[in-house]
C-alpha atoms as a PDB file:
ATOM      1  CA  GLN A   1      99.917 170.705  71.721  1.00  0.00           C
ATOM      2  CA  LYS A   2      98.686 168.896  75.192  1.00  0.00           C
ATOM      3  CA  VAL A   3      98.550 170.953  77.855  1.00  0.00           C
ATOM      4  CA  LEU A   4      97.198 169.923  80.807  1.00  0.00           C
ATOM      5  CA  VAL A   5      95.948 173.150  82.859  1.00  0.00           C
ATOM      6  CA  GLU A   6      94.987 173.248  86.565  1.00  0.00           C
ATOM      7  CA  SER A   7      92.660 175.425  88.357  1.00  0.00           C
ATOM      8  CA  TRP A   8      90.819 176.359  91.865  1.00  0.00           C
ATOM      9  CA  GLY A   9      94.020 175.739  94.431  1.00  0.00           C
ATOM     10  CA  GLY A  10      93.956 178.435  97.157  1.00  0.00           C
ATOM     11  CA  SER A  11      94.130 178.853 100.986  1.00  0.00           C
ATOM     12  CA  VAL A  12      91.937 177.001 103.330  1.00  0.00           C
ATOM     13  CA  GLU A  13      91.877 176.729 107.013  1.00  0.00           C
ATOM     14  CA  ALA A  14      92.443 172.769 108.926  1.00  0.00           C
ATOM     15  CA  GLY A  15      89.464 170.914 108.407  1.00  0.00           C
ATOM     16  CA  GLY A  16      88.304 172.571 105.093  1.00  0.00           C
ATOM     17  CA  SER A  17      87.895 171.629 101.484  1.00  0.00           C
ATOM     18  CA  LEU A  18      88.671 172.719  98.369  1.00  0.00           C
ATOM     19  CA  ARG A  19      88.241 171.170  94.465  1.00  0.00           C
ATOM     20  CA  LEU A  20      91.083 171.329  92.050  1.00  0.00           C
ATOM     21  CA  SER A  21      90.310 170.684  88.118  1.00  0.00           C
ATOM     22  CA  CYS A  22      92.563 170.284  85.397  1.00  0.00           C
ATOM     23  CA  ARG A  23      91.328 170.331  82.183  1.00  0.00           C
ATOM     24  CA  ALA A  24      93.314 168.202  79.323  1.00  0.00           C
ATOM     25  CA  ASN A  25      93.840 170.302  76.268  1.00  0.00           C
ATOM     26  CA  GLY A  26      94.612 169.286  72.270  1.00  0.00           C
ATOM     27  CA  PHE A  27      94.509 165.828  72.960  1.00  0.00           C
ATOM     28  CA  TYR A  28      92.407 163.681  70.726  1.00  0.00           C
ATOM     29  CA  TRP A  29      91.145 160.824  72.947  1.00  0.00           C
ATOM     30  CA  ALA A  30      90.313 161.656  76.673  1.00  0.00           C
ATOM     31  CA  PRO A  31      93.707 160.280  78.267  1.00  0.00           C
ATOM     32  CA  ASP A  32      93.902 156.604  79.034  1.00  0.00           C
ATOM     33  CA  CYS A  33      94.759 157.769  82.718  1.00  0.00           C
ATOM     34  CA  MET A  34      94.828 161.203  84.491  1.00  0.00           C
ATOM     35  CA  ALA A  35      96.235 161.514  88.009  1.00  0.00           C
ATOM     36  CA  TRP A  36      96.781 164.210  90.848  1.00  0.00           C
ATOM     37  CA  PHE A  37     100.986 164.260  92.196  1.00  0.00           C
ATOM     38  CA  ARG A  38     102.478 167.159  94.706  1.00  0.00           C
ATOM     39  CA  GLN A  39     105.184 168.629  96.143  1.00  0.00           C
ATOM     40  CA  VAL A  40     106.560 170.614  98.829  1.00  0.00           C
ATOM     41  CA  PRO A  41     110.392 172.022  98.127  1.00  0.00           C
ATOM     42  CA  GLY A  42     112.974 169.866  98.764  1.00  0.00           C
ATOM     43  CA  LYS A  43     110.690 166.771  98.545  1.00  0.00           C
ATOM     44  CA  GLU A  44     109.892 163.902  95.852  1.00  0.00           C
ATOM     45  CA  ARG A  45     106.930 165.115  93.678  1.00  0.00           C
ATOM     46  CA  GLU A  46     104.135 162.176  95.677  1.00  0.00           C
ATOM     47  CA  ALA A  47     101.409 160.469  94.051  1.00  0.00           C
ATOM     48  CA  VAL A  48      97.905 161.957  95.479  1.00  0.00           C
ATOM     49  CA  ALA A  49      95.480 159.534  92.962  1.00  0.00           C
ATOM     50  CA  ALA A  50      94.810 158.409  89.562  1.00  0.00           C
ATOM     51  CA  HIS A  51      91.918 157.676  87.112  1.00  0.00           C
ATOM     52  CA  ASN A  52      91.779 155.679  84.470  1.00  0.00           C
ATOM     53  CA  THR A  53      88.817 156.699  81.671  1.00  0.00           C
ATOM     54  CA  PHE A  54      85.766 153.966  82.825  1.00  0.00           C
ATOM     55  CA  SER A  55      86.255 154.659  86.237  1.00  0.00           C
ATOM     56  CA  THR A  56      89.032 152.973  87.944  1.00  0.00           C
ATOM     57  CA  THR A  57      90.395 154.934  90.213  1.00  0.00           C
ATOM     58  CA  TYR A  58      93.459 154.457  93.080  1.00  0.00           C
ATOM     59  CA  TYR A  59      94.512 156.717  96.032  1.00  0.00           C
ATOM     60  CA  SER A  60      97.507 157.028  98.509  1.00  0.00           C
ATOM     61  CA  VAL A  61      97.051 156.013 101.285  1.00  0.00           C
ATOM     62  CA  PRO A  62      97.998 159.557 102.968  1.00  0.00           C
ATOM     63  CA  VAL A  63      94.537 161.098 101.586  1.00  0.00           C
ATOM     64  CA  GLU A  64      92.621 157.728 101.111  1.00  0.00           C
ATOM     65  CA  GLY A  65      88.760 158.253 102.665  1.00  0.00           C
ATOM     66  CA  ARG A  66      89.029 162.259 102.360  1.00  0.00           C
ATOM     67  CA  PHE A  67      89.875 162.856  98.717  1.00  0.00           C
ATOM     68  CA  THR A  68      88.322 162.151  95.658  1.00  0.00           C
ATOM     69  CA  ILE A  69      89.216 161.963  91.621  1.00  0.00           C
ATOM     70  CA  SER A  70      86.894 162.114  89.569  1.00  0.00           C
ATOM     71  CA  ARG A  71      86.796 163.126  86.303  1.00  0.00           C
ATOM     72  CA  ASP A  72      83.036 164.957  84.068  1.00  0.00           C
ATOM     73  CA  ARG A  73      81.213 163.067  81.567  1.00  0.00           C
ATOM     74  CA  SER A  74      83.631 164.181  78.656  1.00  0.00           C
ATOM     75  CA  GLU A  75      86.614 162.497  80.356  1.00  0.00           C
ATOM     76  CA  PHE A  76      88.870 165.587  79.483  1.00  0.00           C
ATOM     77  CA  VAL A  77      88.218 166.977  83.056  1.00  0.00           C
ATOM     78  CA  LEU A  78      89.943 165.588  85.983  1.00  0.00           C
ATOM     79  CA  TYR A  79      88.852 166.898  89.199  1.00  0.00           C
ATOM     80  CA  LEU A  80      90.091 166.332  93.393  1.00  0.00           C
ATOM     81  CA  GLN A  81      87.838 166.821  95.676  1.00  0.00           C
ATOM     82  CA  MET A  82      89.948 167.355  98.977  1.00  0.00           C
ATOM     83  CA  MET A  83      88.000 167.350 102.581  1.00  0.00           C
ATOM     84  CA  GLY A  84      89.208 167.523 106.118  1.00  0.00           C
ATOM     85  CA  LEU A  85      92.092 168.441 104.919  1.00  0.00           C
ATOM     86  CA  LYS A  86      95.256 168.586 106.855  1.00  0.00           C
ATOM     87  CA  ILE A  87      98.758 171.531 107.078  1.00  0.00           C
ATOM     88  CA  GLU A  88     100.303 168.315 105.257  1.00  0.00           C
ATOM     89  CA  ASP A  89      98.366 168.548 102.856  1.00  0.00           C
ATOM     90  CA  THR A  90     100.042 172.144 102.110  1.00  0.00           C
ATOM     91  CA  ALA A  91     101.876 171.273  98.230  1.00  0.00           C
ATOM     92  CA  MET A  92     102.134 172.496  95.178  1.00  0.00           C
ATOM     93  CA  TYR A  93      99.327 169.992  93.544  1.00  0.00           C
ATOM     94  CA  PHE A  94     100.086 168.654  89.342  1.00  0.00           C
ATOM     95  CA  CYS A  95      97.897 167.361  87.296  1.00  0.00           C
ATOM     96  CA  ALA A  96      99.588 164.474  85.318  1.00  0.00           C
ATOM     97  CA  ALA A  97      98.187 162.303  81.981  1.00  0.00           C
ATOM     98  CA  ARG A  98      99.490 159.621  80.061  1.00  0.00           C
ATOM     99  CA  THR A  99      97.749 158.186  76.922  1.00  0.00           C
ATOM    100  CA  ASP A 100      99.383 154.482  76.220  1.00  0.00           C
ATOM    101  CA  ARG A 101      97.723 152.901  78.921  1.00  0.00           C
ATOM    102  CA  TYR A 102      95.636 152.986  82.058  1.00  0.00           C
ATOM    103  CA  CYS A 103      97.167 153.163  85.412  1.00  0.00           C
ATOM    104  CA  TYR A 104      97.658 150.408  87.684  1.00  0.00           C
ATOM    105  CA  SER A 105      98.126 150.043  91.355  1.00  0.00           C
ATOM    106  CA  ASP A 106     101.585 149.620  90.921  1.00  0.00           C
ATOM    107  CA  THR A 107     102.436 152.251  88.206  1.00  0.00           C
ATOM    108  CA  PHE A 108      99.743 155.089  89.248  1.00  0.00           C
ATOM    109  CA  ALA A 109     102.422 156.543  91.955  1.00  0.00           C
ATOM    110  CA  LYS A 110     105.630 156.867  89.646  1.00  0.00           C
ATOM    111  CA  ALA A 111     106.024 160.255  88.203  1.00  0.00           C
ATOM    112  CA  GLU A 112     107.971 159.219  85.414  1.00  0.00           C
ATOM    113  CA  GLU A 113     104.954 156.956  83.854  1.00  0.00           C
ATOM    114  CA  PHE A 114     103.683 160.485  82.856  1.00  0.00           C
ATOM    115  CA  PRO A 115     104.713 162.078  79.949  1.00  0.00           C
ATOM    116  CA  TYR A 116     102.101 165.298  80.604  1.00  0.00           C
ATOM    117  CA  TRP A 117     102.078 167.956  83.272  1.00  0.00           C
ATOM    118  CA  GLY A 118     100.484 170.687  84.103  1.00  0.00           C
ATOM    119  CA  GLN A 119     101.997 173.657  85.405  1.00  0.00           C
ATOM    120  CA  GLY A 120     101.068 173.346  88.901  1.00  0.00           C
ATOM    121  CA  THR A 121      98.478 174.884  91.003  1.00  0.00           C
ATOM    122  CA  GLN A 122      99.239 175.732  94.956  1.00  0.00           C
ATOM    123  CA  VAL A 123      97.153 174.329  98.079  1.00  0.00           C
ATOM    124  CA  ASN A 124      97.569 176.516 101.323  1.00  0.00           C
ATOM    125  CA  VAL A 125      96.240 174.472 104.596  1.00  0.00           C
ATOM    126  CA  SER A 126      96.613 176.881 107.917  1.00  0.00           C
ATOM    127  CA  SER A 127      96.023 175.689 111.504  1.00  0.00           C
END
């Protein structure tokens, strides 16, 4: 069974840093594209960043320059290094994956393109 397991959310003051991780379990090959989305109650899920195998990355405008997405050498573990956190970064963060193709600039932000999702990890940023 293909499962994504996120970890290392938490609470931090504005300006601080956190690193999220997501492990892809049960996948025979490393997912072609893995991504982070976030969601706050009452709003749609929004893309944060995406990472293809062989390192192509995409970022949403609100996080570009502050967040870094990466994978470990196995390509089965996804990270999101978040720096300069702002109160508006508070959200539930979800890991997503697809195995049918890479992400591209016009697809990485589309949640419906990803068939595999983690359970989410909460990030709270306070003033």
